């Protein structure tokens, strides 16, 4: 039983990564009805920048100082938010209203461009930041097995909860949130009542970029081994989490991330870890066949 509890704690960290990135996917999809496959590369960019920042903080002797880590996270999120805004302003805004697969193909092109740009600048080697917040907390024990949580895991849960609460507040209590909901319901009607649709979409891309960077920071500081290809598989898994939870639903994105994290972690604990990716995408396939609207999404027509 304690081993089961330990796996739940381990799954929570994975769920935070998937959930944060899934939020970026779902916010953009809710307003445009399009999937930005380049979002995973913003996670990769956030992971690489966080690794660089961690190395710099380590040289200055501040690598274990929480305010310094938080400041680095804010800067990285700000940079990738600008990347998200620029991505919409220079690329996707020009494709508004295109009734084809062009935006999806363009997103694939952007994804490859980001990957190759980072590979050429940094090389293909992995970057392993020094572990941070490595304190260990014993939660439960029966003498034979002890359930533990690292300080880093608790910090990741706090960060994810804080960002989700902030996003909820933005979506429910601000003019941008009202504009986003209006555009989600009916873009044409929102324009008629004076909503600046282009600005709303650009801010949505920026928020998605910031959330993607937060996921990347978790990957860099907790898991390590980041490289130019880090965002590829993580991006598709987070997209799977968004679909499972109900793409377009903000709570659904977090719920999908939690479910996918639990499935992966429990499979890795009890069965062959080599098959965990197959299981993750198998779960996506089952949802697309039997419940395409996801857990919290709205039912759509077959062609949607």
C-alpha atoms as a PDB file:
ATOM      1  CA  UNK A   1       0.000   0.000   0.000  1.00  0.00           C
ATOM      2  CA  UNK A   2       2.832   2.402   0.808  1.00  0.00           C
ATOM      3  CA  UNK A   3       4.485   1.563  -2.500  1.00  0.00           C
ATOM      4  CA  UNK A   4       1.230   2.583  -4.191  1.00  0.00           C
ATOM      5  CA  UNK A   5       1.257   5.892  -2.313  1.00  0.00           C
ATOM      6  CA  UNK A   6       4.850   6.503  -3.434  1.00  0.00           C
ATOM      7  CA  UNK A   7       3.841   6.012  -7.054  1.00  0.00           C
ATOM      8  CA  UNK A   8       1.042   8.561  -6.667  1.00  0.00           C
ATOM      9  CA  UNK A   9       3.600  11.110  -5.448  1.00  0.00           C
ATOM     10  CA  UNK A  10       5.902  10.272  -8.361  1.00  0.00           C
ATOM     11  CA  UNK A  11       2.992  10.531 -10.801  1.00  0.00           C
ATOM     12  CA  UNK A  12       2.116  13.999  -9.532  1.00  0.00           C
ATOM     13  CA  UNK A  13       5.401  15.404 -10.839  1.00  0.00           C
ATOM     14  CA  UNK A  14       4.876  13.894 -14.291  1.00  0.00           C
ATOM     15  CA  UNK A  15       1.283  15.130 -14.272  1.00  0.00           C
ATOM     16  CA  UNK A  16       2.464  18.687 -13.600  1.00  0.00           C
ATOM     17  CA  UNK A  17       4.646  18.652 -16.726  1.00  0.00           C
ATOM     18  CA  UNK A  18       1.869  17.306 -18.941  1.00  0.00           C
ATOM     19  CA  UNK A  19      -0.775  19.515 -17.366  1.00  0.00           C
ATOM     20  CA  UNK A  20       1.138  22.784 -17.765  1.00  0.00           C
ATOM     21  CA  UNK A  21       1.872  22.162 -21.433  1.00  0.00           C
ATOM     22  CA  UNK A  22      -1.638  20.807 -22.057  1.00  0.00           C
ATOM     23  CA  UNK A  23      -2.995  24.127 -20.790  1.00  0.00           C
ATOM     24  CA  UNK A  24      -1.082  25.896 -23.554  1.00  0.00           C
ATOM     25  CA  UNK A  25      -2.542  23.592 -26.185  1.00  0.00           C
ATOM     26  CA  UNK A  26      -6.075  23.880 -24.877  1.00  0.00           C
ATOM     27  CA  UNK A  27      -6.102  27.684 -24.576  1.00  0.00           C
ATOM     28  CA  UNK A  28      -5.075  28.099 -28.212  1.00  0.00           C
ATOM     29  CA  UNK A  29      -7.438  25.396 -29.436  1.00  0.00           C
ATOM     30  CA  UNK A  30     -10.369  26.885 -27.528  1.00  0.00           C
ATOM     31  CA  UNK A  31     -10.056  30.214 -29.294  1.00  0.00           C
ATOM     32  CA  UNK A  32      -8.882  29.149 -32.776  1.00  0.00           C
ATOM     33  CA  UNK A  33      -9.953  25.533 -33.146  1.00  0.00           C
ATOM     34  CA  UNK A  34      -6.364  24.801 -34.201  1.00  0.00           C
ATOM     35  CA  UNK A  35      -3.563  22.792 -32.598  1.00  0.00           C
ATOM     36  CA  UNK A  36      -0.192  24.512 -32.398  1.00  0.00           C
ATOM     37  CA  UNK A  37       2.268  21.626 -32.603  1.00  0.00           C
ATOM     38  CA  UNK A  38       5.158  24.041 -32.069  1.00  0.00           C
ATOM     39  CA  UNK A  39       4.124  24.430 -28.421  1.00  0.00           C
ATOM     40  CA  UNK A  40       6.330  21.487 -27.459  1.00  0.00           C
ATOM     41  CA  UNK A  41       9.370  23.332 -28.782  1.00  0.00           C
ATOM     42  CA  UNK A  42       8.614  26.245 -26.463  1.00  0.00           C
ATOM     43  CA  UNK A  43       8.873  23.685 -23.663  1.00  0.00           C
ATOM     44  CA  UNK A  44      12.234  22.605 -25.080  1.00  0.00           C
ATOM     45  CA  UNK A  45      13.333  26.242 -25.278  1.00  0.00           C
ATOM     46  CA  UNK A  46      12.237  26.813 -21.690  1.00  0.00           C
ATOM     47  CA  UNK A  47      14.121  23.701 -20.570  1.00  0.00           C
ATOM     48  CA  UNK A  48      17.328  24.746 -22.334  1.00  0.00           C
ATOM     49  CA  UNK A  49      17.181  28.316 -21.023  1.00  0.00           C
ATOM     50  CA  UNK A  50      16.494  27.043 -17.511  1.00  0.00           C
ATOM     51  CA  UNK A  51      19.506  24.724 -17.749  1.00  0.00           C
ATOM     52  CA  UNK A  52      21.674  27.661 -18.834  1.00  0.00           C
ATOM     53  CA  UNK A  53      20.289  29.839 -16.039  1.00  0.00           C
ATOM     54  CA  UNK A  54      20.895  27.062 -13.494  1.00  0.00           C
ATOM     55  CA  UNK A  55      24.503  26.781 -14.642  1.00  0.00           C
ATOM     56  CA  UNK A  56      24.941  30.536 -14.250  1.00  0.00           C
ATOM     57  CA  UNK A  57      23.372  30.515 -10.801  1.00  0.00           C
ATOM     58  CA  UNK A  58      25.633  27.618  -9.857  1.00  0.00           C
ATOM     59  CA  UNK A  59      28.724  29.590 -10.847  1.00  0.00           C
ATOM     60  CA  UNK A  60      27.498  32.484  -8.713  1.00  0.00           C
ATOM     61  CA  UNK A  61      26.764  30.171  -5.783  1.00  0.00           C
ATOM     62  CA  UNK A  62      23.007  30.862  -5.920  1.00  0.00           C
ATOM     63  CA  UNK A  63      21.813  27.580  -7.446  1.00  0.00           C
ATOM     64  CA  UNK A  64      20.080  26.444  -4.251  1.00  0.00           C
ATOM     65  CA  UNK A  65      18.617  29.849  -3.323  1.00  0.00           C
ATOM     66  CA  UNK A  66      14.842  29.650  -4.013  1.00  0.00           C
ATOM     67  CA  UNK A  67      14.359  33.378  -4.840  1.00  0.00           C
ATOM     68  CA  UNK A  68      17.101  33.132  -7.477  1.00  0.00           C
ATOM     69  CA  UNK A  69      15.488  30.040  -9.001  1.00  0.00           C
ATOM     70  CA  UNK A  70      12.094  31.746  -9.012  1.00  0.00           C
ATOM     71  CA  UNK A  71      13.566  34.832 -10.652  1.00  0.00           C
ATOM     72  CA  UNK A  72      15.174  32.690 -13.360  1.00  0.00           C
ATOM     73  CA  UNK A  73      11.847  30.931 -13.933  1.00  0.00           C
ATOM     74  CA  UNK A  74      10.040  34.248 -14.344  1.00  0.00           C
ATOM     75  CA  UNK A  75      12.623  35.442 -16.882  1.00  0.00           C
ATOM     76  CA  UNK A  76      12.442  32.192 -18.860  1.00  0.00           C
ATOM     77  CA  UNK A  77       8.642  32.247 -18.869  1.00  0.00           C
ATOM     78  CA  UNK A  78       8.695  35.871 -19.981  1.00  0.00           C
ATOM     79  CA  UNK A  79      11.048  35.092 -22.855  1.00  0.00           C
ATOM     80  CA  UNK A  80       8.978  32.180 -24.137  1.00  0.00           C
ATOM     81  CA  UNK A  81       5.791  34.204 -23.698  1.00  0.00           C
ATOM     82  CA  UNK A  82       7.304  36.730 -26.108  1.00  0.00           C
ATOM     83  CA  UNK A  83       8.152  33.829 -28.423  1.00  0.00           C
ATOM     84  CA  UNK A  84       4.531  32.693 -28.308  1.00  0.00           C
ATOM     85  CA  UNK A  85       3.260  36.210 -28.999  1.00  0.00           C
ATOM     86  CA  UNK A  86       5.706  36.594 -31.903  1.00  0.00           C
ATOM     87  CA  UNK A  87       4.708  33.196 -33.289  1.00  0.00           C
ATOM     88  CA  UNK A  88       1.121  34.383 -33.586  1.00  0.00           C
ATOM     89  CA  UNK A  89       1.947  37.899 -34.738  1.00  0.00           C
ATOM     90  CA  UNK A  90       4.291  36.883 -37.555  1.00  0.00           C
ATOM     91  CA  UNK A  91       2.872  33.515 -38.594  1.00  0.00           C
ATOM     92  CA  UNK A  92      -0.526  32.377 -37.393  1.00  0.00           C
ATOM     93  CA  UNK A  93      -2.281  35.739 -37.682  1.00  0.00           C
ATOM     94  CA  UNK A  94      -1.680  35.595 -41.423  1.00  0.00           C
ATOM     95  CA  UNK A  95      -3.456  32.231 -41.532  1.00  0.00           C
ATOM     96  CA  UNK A  96      -6.665  33.319 -39.780  1.00  0.00           C
ATOM     97  CA  UNK A  97      -9.725  31.852 -41.419  1.00  0.00           C
ATOM     98  CA  UNK A  98      -7.775  29.419 -43.591  1.00  0.00           C
ATOM     99  CA  UNK A  99     -10.014  26.356 -43.937  1.00  0.00           C
ATOM    100  CA  UNK A 100      -7.333  23.789 -44.580  1.00  0.00           C
ATOM    101  CA  UNK A 101      -4.484  21.965 -42.889  1.00  0.00           C
ATOM    102  CA  UNK A 102      -2.114  24.856 -43.648  1.00  0.00           C
ATOM    103  CA  UNK A 103      -1.813  26.092 -40.005  1.00  0.00           C
ATOM    104  CA  UNK A 104      -1.020  22.559 -38.826  1.00  0.00           C
ATOM    105  CA  UNK A 105       1.650  22.113 -41.497  1.00  0.00           C
ATOM    106  CA  UNK A 106       3.107  25.527 -40.657  1.00  0.00           C
ATOM    107  CA  UNK A 107       3.246  24.528 -36.977  1.00  0.00           C
ATOM    108  CA  UNK A 108       5.218  21.411 -37.916  1.00  0.00           C
ATOM    109  CA  UNK A 109       7.627  23.601 -39.888  1.00  0.00           C
ATOM    110  CA  UNK A 110       8.052  25.949 -36.928  1.00  0.00           C
ATOM    111  CA  UNK A 111       8.686  22.989 -34.650  1.00  0.00           C
ATOM    112  CA  UNK A 112      11.472  21.684 -36.871  1.00  0.00           C
ATOM    113  CA  UNK A 113      12.929  25.193 -37.213  1.00  0.00           C
ATOM    114  CA  UNK A 114      13.130  25.585 -33.429  1.00  0.00           C
ATOM    115  CA  UNK A 115      14.711  22.151 -33.032  1.00  0.00           C
ATOM    116  CA  UNK A 116      17.341  22.755 -35.682  1.00  0.00           C
ATOM    117  CA  UNK A 117      18.050  26.283 -34.482  1.00  0.00           C
ATOM    118  CA  UNK A 118      18.810  25.034 -30.965  1.00  0.00           C
ATOM    119  CA  UNK A 119      20.803  22.079 -32.330  1.00  0.00           C
ATOM    120  CA  UNK A 120      23.002  24.372 -34.413  1.00  0.00           C
ATOM    121  CA  UNK A 121      23.543  26.815 -31.544  1.00  0.00           C
ATOM    122  CA  UNK A 122      24.027  24.307 -28.748  1.00  0.00           C
ATOM    123  CA  UNK A 123      24.773  20.977 -30.402  1.00  0.00           C
ATOM    124  CA  UNK A 124      23.020  17.657 -29.879  1.00  0.00           C
ATOM    125  CA  UNK A 125      24.499  16.893 -26.449  1.00  0.00           C
ATOM    126  CA  UNK A 126      22.358  16.600 -23.341  1.00  0.00           C
ATOM    127  CA  UNK A 127      22.496  19.291 -20.683  1.00  0.00           C
ATOM    128  CA  UNK A 128      22.368  18.103 -17.066  1.00  0.00           C
ATOM    129  CA  UNK A 129      21.843  20.932 -14.567  1.00  0.00           C
ATOM    130  CA  UNK A 130      22.981  20.280 -11.010  1.00  0.00           C
ATOM    131  CA  UNK A 131      20.116  18.960  -8.841  1.00  0.00           C
ATOM    132  CA  UNK A 132      18.345  21.617  -6.770  1.00  0.00           C
ATOM    133  CA  UNK A 133      15.987  21.470  -3.782  1.00  0.00           C
ATOM    134  CA  UNK A 134      17.124  17.932  -2.996  1.00  0.00           C
ATOM    135  CA  UNK A 135      15.870  17.813   0.580  1.00  0.00           C
ATOM    136  CA  UNK A 136      14.005  14.617   1.466  1.00  0.00           C
ATOM    137  CA  UNK A 137      10.834  14.417   3.529  1.00  0.00           C
ATOM    138  CA  UNK A 138       9.676  11.088   4.977  1.00  0.00           C
ATOM    139  CA  UNK A 139       5.883  11.026   4.944  1.00  0.00           C
ATOM    140  CA  UNK A 140       4.853   7.478   5.908  1.00  0.00           C
ATOM    141  CA  UNK A 141       6.694   4.346   6.961  1.00  0.00           C
ATOM    142  CA  UNK A 142       5.903   0.802   8.034  1.00  0.00           C
ATOM    143  CA  UNK A 143       9.489  -0.097   8.854  1.00  0.00           C
ATOM    144  CA  UNK A 144      10.114  -1.910   5.577  1.00  0.00           C
ATOM    145  CA  UNK A 145       9.162   0.882   3.170  1.00  0.00           C
ATOM    146  CA  UNK A 146       9.117   4.672   3.546  1.00  0.00           C
ATOM    147  CA  UNK A 147       7.057   7.042   1.432  1.00  0.00           C
ATOM    148  CA  UNK A 148       9.188  10.086   0.642  1.00  0.00           C
ATOM    149  CA  UNK A 149       8.822  13.343  -1.219  1.00  0.00           C
ATOM    150  CA  UNK A 150      11.687  15.551  -2.334  1.00  0.00           C
ATOM    151  CA  UNK A 151      11.591  19.281  -1.724  1.00  0.00           C
ATOM    152  CA  UNK A 152      11.726  19.674  -5.509  1.00  0.00           C
ATOM    153  CA  UNK A 153       8.547  17.601  -5.906  1.00  0.00           C
ATOM    154  CA  UNK A 154       6.708  19.717  -3.367  1.00  0.00           C
ATOM    155  CA  UNK A 155       7.962  22.884  -5.073  1.00  0.00           C
ATOM    156  CA  UNK A 156       6.753  21.602  -8.458  1.00  0.00           C
ATOM    157  CA  UNK A 157       3.300  20.888  -7.027  1.00  0.00           C
ATOM    158  CA  UNK A 158       3.218  24.354  -5.478  1.00  0.00           C
ATOM    159  CA  UNK A 159       4.366  25.995  -8.711  1.00  0.00           C
ATOM    160  CA  UNK A 160       1.782  24.151 -10.798  1.00  0.00           C
ATOM    161  CA  UNK A 161      -1.006  24.883  -8.336  1.00  0.00           C
ATOM    162  CA  UNK A 162      -0.018  28.543  -8.203  1.00  0.00           C
ATOM    163  CA  UNK A 163       0.105  28.901 -11.988  1.00  0.00           C
ATOM    164  CA  UNK A 164      -3.245  27.153 -12.381  1.00  0.00           C
ATOM    165  CA  UNK A 165      -4.828  29.426  -9.756  1.00  0.00           C
ATOM    166  CA  UNK A 166      -3.323  32.474 -11.485  1.00  0.00           C
ATOM    167  CA  UNK A 167      -4.640  31.305 -14.854  1.00  0.00           C
ATOM    168  CA  UNK A 168      -8.084  30.676 -13.364  1.00  0.00           C
ATOM    169  CA  UNK A 169      -8.089  34.184 -11.922  1.00  0.00           C
ATOM    170  CA  UNK A 170      -7.045  35.679 -15.264  1.00  0.00           C
ATOM    171  CA  UNK A 171      -9.717  33.759 -17.168  1.00  0.00           C
ATOM    172  CA  UNK A 172     -12.511  34.537 -14.701  1.00  0.00           C
ATOM    173  CA  UNK A 173     -11.700  37.993 -13.356  1.00  0.00           C
ATOM    174  CA  UNK A 174     -10.007  40.013 -16.090  1.00  0.00           C
ATOM    175  CA  UNK A 175     -11.015  41.728 -19.321  1.00  0.00           C
ATOM    176  CA  UNK A 176      -8.759  39.353 -21.233  1.00  0.00           C
ATOM    177  CA  UNK A 177     -10.531  36.355 -19.729  1.00  0.00           C
ATOM    178  CA  UNK A 178     -13.917  37.723 -20.755  1.00  0.00           C
ATOM    179  CA  UNK A 179     -12.599  38.446 -24.249  1.00  0.00           C
ATOM    180  CA  UNK A 180     -11.161  34.930 -24.512  1.00  0.00           C
ATOM    181  CA  UNK A 181     -14.475  33.364 -23.505  1.00  0.00           C
ATOM    182  CA  UNK A 182     -16.323  35.569 -25.978  1.00  0.00           C
ATOM    183  CA  UNK A 183     -14.000  34.538 -28.813  1.00  0.00           C
ATOM    184  CA  UNK A 184     -14.322  30.908 -27.780  1.00  0.00           C
ATOM    185  CA  UNK A 185     -18.116  31.134 -28.037  1.00  0.00           C
ATOM    186  CA  UNK A 186     -18.292  33.089 -31.314  1.00  0.00           C
ATOM    187  CA  UNK A 187     -15.406  35.017 -32.861  1.00  0.00           C
ATOM    188  CA  UNK A 188     -17.592  36.957 -35.313  1.00  0.00           C
ATOM    189  CA  UNK A 189     -19.990  38.053 -32.581  1.00  0.00           C
ATOM    190  CA  UNK A 190     -17.067  39.022 -30.343  1.00  0.00           C
ATOM    191  CA  UNK A 191     -15.708  41.274 -33.093  1.00  0.00           C
ATOM    192  CA  UNK A 192     -19.115  42.888 -33.546  1.00  0.00           C
ATOM    193  CA  UNK A 193     -19.249  43.918 -29.885  1.00  0.00           C
ATOM    194  CA  UNK A 194     -15.765  45.422 -30.001  1.00  0.00           C
ATOM    195  CA  UNK A 195     -13.471  42.631 -28.811  1.00  0.00           C
ATOM    196  CA  UNK A 196      -9.968  42.939 -30.272  1.00  0.00           C
ATOM    197  CA  UNK A 197      -9.710  39.355 -31.501  1.00  0.00           C
ATOM    198  CA  UNK A 198      -6.140  39.628 -32.789  1.00  0.00           C
ATOM    199  CA  UNK A 199      -4.902  40.981 -29.475  1.00  0.00           C
ATOM    200  CA  UNK A 200      -6.804  38.313 -27.538  1.00  0.00           C
ATOM    201  CA  UNK A 201      -5.317  35.525 -29.640  1.00  0.00           C
ATOM    202  CA  UNK A 202      -1.805  36.972 -29.339  1.00  0.00           C
ATOM    203  CA  UNK A 203      -2.078  37.156 -25.545  1.00  0.00           C
ATOM    204  CA  UNK A 204      -3.390  33.574 -25.538  1.00  0.00           C
ATOM    205  CA  UNK A 205      -0.299  32.439 -27.442  1.00  0.00           C
ATOM    206  CA  UNK A 206       1.882  34.363 -24.980  1.00  0.00           C
ATOM    207  CA  UNK A 207       0.241  32.731 -21.952  1.00  0.00           C
ATOM    208  CA  UNK A 208       0.563  29.328 -23.599  1.00  0.00           C
ATOM    209  CA  UNK A 209       4.245  30.000 -24.240  1.00  0.00           C
ATOM    210  CA  UNK A 210       4.821  30.935 -20.609  1.00  0.00           C
ATOM    211  CA  UNK A 211       3.091  27.787 -19.356  1.00  0.00           C
ATOM    212  CA  UNK A 212       5.103  25.673 -21.794  1.00  0.00           C
ATOM    213  CA  UNK A 213       8.296  27.206 -20.402  1.00  0.00           C
ATOM    214  CA  UNK A 214       7.219  26.354 -16.858  1.00  0.00           C
ATOM    215  CA  UNK A 215       6.858  22.722 -17.932  1.00  0.00           C
ATOM    216  CA  UNK A 216      10.311  22.908 -19.512  1.00  0.00           C
ATOM    217  CA  UNK A 217      11.812  24.327 -16.330  1.00  0.00           C
ATOM    218  CA  UNK A 218      10.423  21.391 -14.352  1.00  0.00           C
ATOM    219  CA  UNK A 219      11.958  18.968 -16.851  1.00  0.00           C
ATOM    220  CA  UNK A 220      15.362  20.674 -16.706  1.00  0.00           C
ATOM    221  CA  UNK A 221      15.646  21.043 -12.938  1.00  0.00           C
ATOM    222  CA  UNK A 222      13.988  17.805 -11.837  1.00  0.00           C
ATOM    223  CA  UNK A 223      14.714  15.302 -14.604  1.00  0.00           C
ATOM    224  CA  UNK A 224      17.706  16.825 -16.446  1.00  0.00           C
ATOM    225  CA  UNK A 225      19.103  15.521 -19.719  1.00  0.00           C
ATOM    226  CA  UNK A 226      17.549  18.257 -21.880  1.00  0.00           C
ATOM    227  CA  UNK A 227      18.482  18.708 -25.521  1.00  0.00           C
ATOM    228  CA  UNK A 228      17.091  20.106 -28.768  1.00  0.00           C
ATOM    229  CA  UNK A 229      14.685  17.151 -29.050  1.00  0.00           C
ATOM    230  CA  UNK A 230      13.254  17.397 -25.522  1.00  0.00           C
ATOM    231  CA  UNK A 231       9.973  18.992 -26.575  1.00  0.00           C
ATOM    232  CA  UNK A 232       9.070  16.476 -29.284  1.00  0.00           C
ATOM    233  CA  UNK A 233       7.722  13.503 -27.334  1.00  0.00           C
ATOM    234  CA  UNK A 234       6.690  15.614 -24.340  1.00  0.00           C
ATOM    235  CA  UNK A 235       4.715  17.844 -26.696  1.00  0.00           C
ATOM    236  CA  UNK A 236       2.756  14.962 -28.174  1.00  0.00           C
ATOM    237  CA  UNK A 237       2.095  13.479 -24.743  1.00  0.00           C
ATOM    238  CA  UNK A 238       0.819  16.805 -23.446  1.00  0.00           C
ATOM    239  CA  UNK A 239      -1.403  17.048 -26.517  1.00  0.00           C
ATOM    240  CA  UNK A 240      -2.688  13.573 -25.665  1.00  0.00           C
ATOM    241  CA  UNK A 241      -3.387  14.805 -22.125  1.00  0.00           C
ATOM    242  CA  UNK A 242      -5.320  17.785 -23.498  1.00  0.00           C
ATOM    243  CA  UNK A 243      -7.404  15.515 -25.738  1.00  0.00           C
ATOM    244  CA  UNK A 244      -8.053  12.984 -22.971  1.00  0.00           C
ATOM    245  CA  UNK A 245      -9.148  15.744 -20.599  1.00  0.00           C
ATOM    246  CA  UNK A 246     -11.260  17.450 -23.254  1.00  0.00           C
ATOM    247  CA  UNK A 247      -9.331  19.840 -25.468  1.00  0.00           C
ATOM    248  CA  UNK A 248     -10.614  23.359 -25.018  1.00  0.00           C
ATOM    249  CA  UNK A 249     -11.321  22.769 -21.314  1.00  0.00           C
ATOM    250  CA  UNK A 250      -8.843  24.317 -18.865  1.00  0.00           C
ATOM    251  CA  UNK A 251      -9.716  21.959 -15.962  1.00  0.00           C
ATOM    252  CA  UNK A 252      -9.751  19.117 -18.490  1.00  0.00           C
ATOM    253  CA  UNK A 253      -6.136  19.823 -19.444  1.00  0.00           C
ATOM    254  CA  UNK A 254      -5.012  19.364 -15.843  1.00  0.00           C
ATOM    255  CA  UNK A 255      -7.231  16.310 -15.383  1.00  0.00           C
ATOM    256  CA  UNK A 256      -5.871  14.741 -18.564  1.00  0.00           C
ATOM    257  CA  UNK A 257      -2.319  15.440 -17.427  1.00  0.00           C
ATOM    258  CA  UNK A 258      -3.049  13.806 -14.073  1.00  0.00           C
ATOM    259  CA  UNK A 259      -4.586  10.722 -15.691  1.00  0.00           C
ATOM    260  CA  UNK A 260      -1.749  10.314 -18.183  1.00  0.00           C
ATOM    261  CA  UNK A 261       0.847  10.811 -15.452  1.00  0.00           C
ATOM    262  CA  UNK A 262      -0.806   8.171 -13.275  1.00  0.00           C
ATOM    263  CA  UNK A 263      -1.089   5.656 -16.113  1.00  0.00           C
ATOM    264  CA  UNK A 264       2.555   6.111 -17.150  1.00  0.00           C
ATOM    265  CA  UNK A 265       3.920   5.989 -13.623  1.00  0.00           C
ATOM    266  CA  UNK A 266       1.945   2.945 -12.532  1.00  0.00           C
ATOM    267  CA  UNK A 267       2.822   1.098 -15.712  1.00  0.00           C
ATOM    268  CA  UNK A 268       6.517   1.894 -15.185  1.00  0.00           C
ATOM    269  CA  UNK A 269       6.308   0.696 -11.575  1.00  0.00           C
ATOM    270  CA  UNK A 270       4.577  -2.622 -12.222  1.00  0.00           C
ATOM    271  CA  UNK A 271       5.383  -3.520 -15.834  1.00  0.00           C
ATOM    272  CA  UNK A 272       8.135  -3.057 -18.435  1.00  0.00           C
ATOM    273  CA  UNK A 273       9.054   0.629 -18.564  1.00  0.00           C
ATOM    274  CA  UNK A 274       9.998   0.334 -22.250  1.00  0.00           C
ATOM    275  CA  UNK A 275       6.300   0.139 -23.138  1.00  0.00           C
ATOM    276  CA  UNK A 276       5.098   3.199 -21.238  1.00  0.00           C
ATOM    277  CA  UNK A 277       4.925   5.402 -24.340  1.00  0.00           C
ATOM    278  CA  UNK A 278       2.872   2.763 -26.147  1.00  0.00           C
ATOM    279  CA  UNK A 279       0.472   2.682 -23.207  1.00  0.00           C
ATOM    280  CA  UNK A 280       0.206   6.489 -23.129  1.00  0.00           C
ATOM    281  CA  UNK A 281      -0.698   6.786 -26.792  1.00  0.00           C
ATOM    282  CA  UNK A 282      -2.867   3.687 -26.544  1.00  0.00           C
ATOM    283  CA  UNK A 283      -4.911   5.581 -23.948  1.00  0.00           C
ATOM    284  CA  UNK A 284      -5.231   8.480 -26.395  1.00  0.00           C
ATOM    285  CA  UNK A 285      -6.406   6.099 -29.117  1.00  0.00           C
ATOM    286  CA  UNK A 286      -9.079   4.608 -26.863  1.00  0.00           C
ATOM    287  CA  UNK A 287     -10.402   8.050 -25.982  1.00  0.00           C
ATOM    288  CA  UNK A 288     -10.480   9.153 -29.627  1.00  0.00           C
ATOM    289  CA  UNK A 289     -12.514   6.049 -30.498  1.00  0.00           C
ATOM    290  CA  UNK A 290     -14.892   5.796 -27.540  1.00  0.00           C
ATOM    291  CA  UNK A 291     -14.989   9.303 -26.042  1.00  0.00           C
ATOM    292  CA  UNK A 292     -13.551  11.795 -28.545  1.00  0.00           C
ATOM    293  CA  UNK A 293     -14.774  14.793 -26.542  1.00  0.00           C
ATOM    294  CA  UNK A 294     -12.567  13.741 -23.623  1.00  0.00           C
ATOM    295  CA  UNK A 295     -13.451  13.717 -19.945  1.00  0.00           C
ATOM    296  CA  UNK A 296     -14.681  17.312 -19.633  1.00  0.00           C
ATOM    297  CA  UNK A 297     -15.021  18.408 -23.263  1.00  0.00           C
ATOM    298  CA  UNK A 298     -18.207  18.979 -25.208  1.00  0.00           C
ATOM    299  CA  UNK A 299     -19.399  16.438 -27.754  1.00  0.00           C
ATOM    300  CA  UNK A 300     -18.747  17.509 -31.348  1.00  0.00           C
ATOM    301  CA  UNK A 301     -19.670  16.306 -34.772  1.00  0.00           C
ATOM    302  CA  UNK A 302     -17.711  13.513 -36.411  1.00  0.00           C
ATOM    303  CA  UNK A 303     -15.802  15.905 -38.646  1.00  0.00           C
ATOM    304  CA  UNK A 304     -14.715  18.249 -35.868  1.00  0.00           C
END
